[in-house]
N, C-alpha and C. Protein backbone atom coordinates (compact mmCIF):
# COMPACT_ATOMS: atom_id res chain seq x y z
N MET A 1 119.00 96.92 98.54
CA MET A 1 118.01 96.09 98.80
C MET A 1 116.59 96.60 99.62
N CYS A 2 115.50 96.51 99.24
CA CYS A 2 114.45 97.16 100.13
C CYS A 2 113.58 96.13 100.76
N LYS A 3 113.19 96.33 101.92
CA LYS A 3 112.36 95.42 102.47
C LYS A 3 110.84 95.73 102.22
N ASP A 4 109.95 94.82 101.74
CA ASP A 4 108.49 95.08 101.56
C ASP A 4 107.91 93.66 101.94
N MET A 5 106.75 93.87 103.05
CA MET A 5 106.39 92.96 103.60
C MET A 5 107.06 91.58 103.96
N GLY A 6 108.20 91.97 104.55
CA GLY A 6 109.19 90.98 105.09
C GLY A 6 109.76 90.12 104.02
N GLN A 7 109.68 90.92 102.66
CA GLN A 7 110.47 90.02 101.78
C GLN A 7 111.48 90.96 101.11
N SER A 8 112.30 90.51 100.92
CA SER A 8 113.79 91.32 100.19
C SER A 8 113.60 91.29 98.90
N LYS A 9 113.80 92.66 98.30
CA LYS A 9 113.55 92.89 96.89
C LYS A 9 114.65 93.80 96.38
N GLU A 10 115.04 93.61 95.36
CA GLU A 10 116.29 94.49 94.76
C GLU A 10 115.54 95.86 94.47
N ARG A 11 116.33 96.77 94.69
CA ARG A 11 115.64 97.91 94.47
C ARG A 11 116.09 98.54 93.06
N ALA A 12 115.29 98.88 92.18
CA ALA A 12 115.44 99.26 90.90
C ALA A 12 115.13 100.86 90.67
N PHE A 13 116.16 101.19 89.86
CA PHE A 13 116.15 102.79 89.58
C PHE A 13 116.08 103.15 88.01
N MET A 14 115.38 103.97 87.90
CA MET A 14 115.12 104.56 86.54
C MET A 14 116.18 105.18 85.80
N LYS A 15 116.52 104.90 84.67
CA LYS A 15 117.84 105.52 83.80
C LYS A 15 117.44 106.84 83.48
N PRO A 16 118.42 107.88 83.85
CA PRO A 16 117.91 109.40 83.46
C PRO A 16 118.15 109.51 81.95
N GLY A 17 117.43 110.31 81.45
CA GLY A 17 117.35 110.71 80.04
C GLY A 17 118.22 111.98 79.73
N ARG A 18 118.43 112.14 78.53
CA ARG A 18 119.35 113.49 78.50
C ARG A 18 118.36 114.43 78.15
N THR A 19 116.86 114.18 77.71
CA THR A 19 116.01 115.16 77.36
C THR A 19 114.56 114.99 78.33
N ASN A 20 113.97 115.85 78.37
CA ASN A 20 112.67 115.47 78.96
C ASN A 20 111.97 114.40 78.29
N LYS A 21 112.07 114.46 76.83
CA LYS A 21 111.17 113.22 76.17
C LYS A 21 111.93 111.83 76.63
N GLU A 22 113.22 111.62 76.66
CA GLU A 22 113.89 110.75 76.97
C GLU A 22 113.60 110.35 78.59
N ASP A 23 113.42 111.07 79.49
CA ASP A 23 112.95 110.75 80.73
C ASP A 23 111.54 110.13 80.61
N ARG A 24 110.75 110.88 80.08
CA ARG A 24 109.13 110.11 79.95
C ARG A 24 109.28 108.77 79.32
N LEU A 25 110.13 108.58 78.34
CA LEU A 25 110.08 107.25 77.83
C LEU A 25 110.71 106.18 78.76
N ASN A 26 112.06 106.61 79.29
CA ASN A 26 112.65 105.89 80.19
C ASN A 26 111.49 105.32 81.36
N PHE A 27 110.54 106.57 81.76
CA PHE A 27 109.71 106.32 82.69
C PHE A 27 108.64 104.95 82.32
N ILE A 28 108.23 105.16 81.25
CA ILE A 28 107.09 104.22 80.98
C ILE A 28 107.77 102.80 80.76
N GLU A 29 109.14 102.68 80.32
CA GLU A 29 109.69 101.58 80.31
C GLU A 29 109.98 101.13 81.55
N PHE A 30 110.37 101.71 82.59
CA PHE A 30 110.48 101.40 84.00
C PHE A 30 109.27 100.95 84.52
N TRP A 31 108.03 101.79 84.11
CA TRP A 31 106.88 101.32 84.90
C TRP A 31 106.42 99.89 84.21
N ALA A 32 106.53 100.05 82.89
CA ALA A 32 105.90 98.61 82.54
C ALA A 32 106.79 97.21 82.82
N ASN A 33 108.04 97.60 82.96
CA ASN A 33 109.01 96.45 83.70
C ASN A 33 108.34 96.15 85.04
N TYR A 34 108.18 97.14 85.73
CA TYR A 34 107.80 97.09 87.34
C TYR A 34 106.45 96.50 87.25
N VAL A 35 105.43 96.65 86.40
CA VAL A 35 104.23 95.91 86.66
C VAL A 35 104.28 94.56 85.95
N ARG A 36 105.10 94.50 85.06
CA ARG A 36 105.47 93.02 84.80
C ARG A 36 106.17 92.15 85.74
N THR A 37 106.88 92.71 86.66
CA THR A 37 107.52 91.82 87.65
C THR A 37 107.17 91.97 89.00
N HIS A 38 106.04 92.67 89.24
CA HIS A 38 105.64 92.66 90.70
C HIS A 38 104.19 92.31 90.48
N SER A 39 103.56 91.69 91.81
CA SER A 39 102.17 91.26 91.66
C SER A 39 101.38 92.37 91.65
N ASP A 40 99.94 92.14 91.02
CA ASP A 40 99.03 93.22 90.99
C ASP A 40 98.68 93.60 92.39
N GLU A 41 98.62 93.07 93.50
CA GLU A 41 98.53 93.68 94.74
C GLU A 41 99.36 94.74 95.14
N GLU A 42 100.69 94.45 94.87
CA GLU A 42 101.64 95.03 95.32
C GLU A 42 101.81 96.54 94.53
N TRP A 43 101.79 96.34 93.14
CA TRP A 43 101.79 97.68 92.39
C TRP A 43 100.69 98.34 92.61
N SER A 44 99.46 97.78 92.79
CA SER A 44 98.07 98.40 93.21
C SER A 44 98.15 99.16 94.31
N ARG A 45 98.59 98.48 95.44
CA ARG A 45 98.83 99.38 96.71
C ARG A 45 99.49 100.40 96.65
N GLN A 46 100.61 100.36 95.93
CA GLN A 46 101.63 101.64 95.79
C GLN A 46 101.06 102.67 95.13
N GLN A 47 100.04 102.38 93.91
CA GLN A 47 99.38 103.57 93.29
C GLN A 47 98.01 103.92 94.01
N SER A 48 97.76 103.09 94.95
CA SER A 48 96.52 103.63 95.88
C SER A 48 97.07 104.60 96.88
N VAL A 49 98.42 104.53 97.49
CA VAL A 49 98.73 105.22 98.33
C VAL A 49 99.21 106.74 97.48
N LEU A 50 99.79 106.49 96.32
CA LEU A 50 99.79 107.64 95.56
C LEU A 50 98.59 108.54 95.26
N ILE A 51 97.53 107.84 94.73
CA ILE A 51 96.37 108.59 94.38
C ILE A 51 95.64 108.97 95.69
N ASP A 52 95.77 108.30 96.84
CA ASP A 52 95.16 108.94 97.98
C ASP A 52 95.86 110.20 98.68
N SER A 53 97.14 110.29 98.41
CA SER A 53 97.86 111.36 98.88
C SER A 53 97.57 112.57 97.92
N VAL A 54 97.44 112.44 96.58
CA VAL A 54 96.82 113.37 95.78
C VAL A 54 95.48 113.99 96.14
N ILE A 55 94.84 112.98 96.43
CA ILE A 55 93.32 113.53 96.76
C ILE A 55 93.39 114.14 97.91
N LYS A 56 94.23 113.79 98.91
CA LYS A 56 94.28 114.49 100.35
C LYS A 56 94.85 115.86 100.12
N SER A 57 95.73 116.05 99.25
CA SER A 57 96.53 117.25 98.99
C SER A 57 95.51 118.31 98.58
N ALA A 58 94.90 117.65 97.36
CA ALA A 58 93.85 118.60 96.62
C ALA A 58 92.81 119.00 97.64
N ARG A 59 92.24 118.24 98.67
CA ARG A 59 91.33 118.41 99.57
C ARG A 59 91.65 119.81 100.45
N GLU A 60 93.18 119.39 100.93
CA GLU A 60 93.49 120.42 101.80
C GLU A 60 93.81 121.95 101.29
N LYS A 61 94.15 121.66 99.95
CA LYS A 61 94.47 123.02 99.48
C LYS A 61 92.96 123.95 99.06
N SER A 62 91.93 122.68 98.64
CA SER A 62 90.59 123.34 98.61
C SER A 62 90.15 124.04 99.76
N GLU A 63 90.40 123.31 101.07
CA GLU A 63 90.13 124.07 102.39
C GLU A 63 90.44 125.41 102.47
N LYS A 64 91.71 125.37 102.22
CA LYS A 64 92.63 126.65 102.35
C LYS A 64 91.94 127.79 101.80
N ILE A 65 91.48 127.42 100.34
CA ILE A 65 91.03 128.42 99.35
C ILE A 65 89.76 128.96 100.11
N ARG A 66 88.78 128.10 100.58
CA ARG A 66 87.56 128.48 101.14
C ARG A 66 87.45 129.30 102.36
N VAL A 67 88.58 129.22 103.16
CA VAL A 67 88.48 129.71 104.21
C VAL A 67 89.04 131.30 104.02
């Protein structure tokens, strides 16, 4: 179980594939199920954290290149 905003939720794991293609298809299935079973606010907040961290990392790398 994992705790999120004071609520207990079962932790879901993605089924590993035998090939890269199977891994990608399993991820699509996993994510589609996640979006269907979680509120817009919850998965949107998680996507925001991911996107913000990618932008931060890109900015930090850009700063290193300029110096």
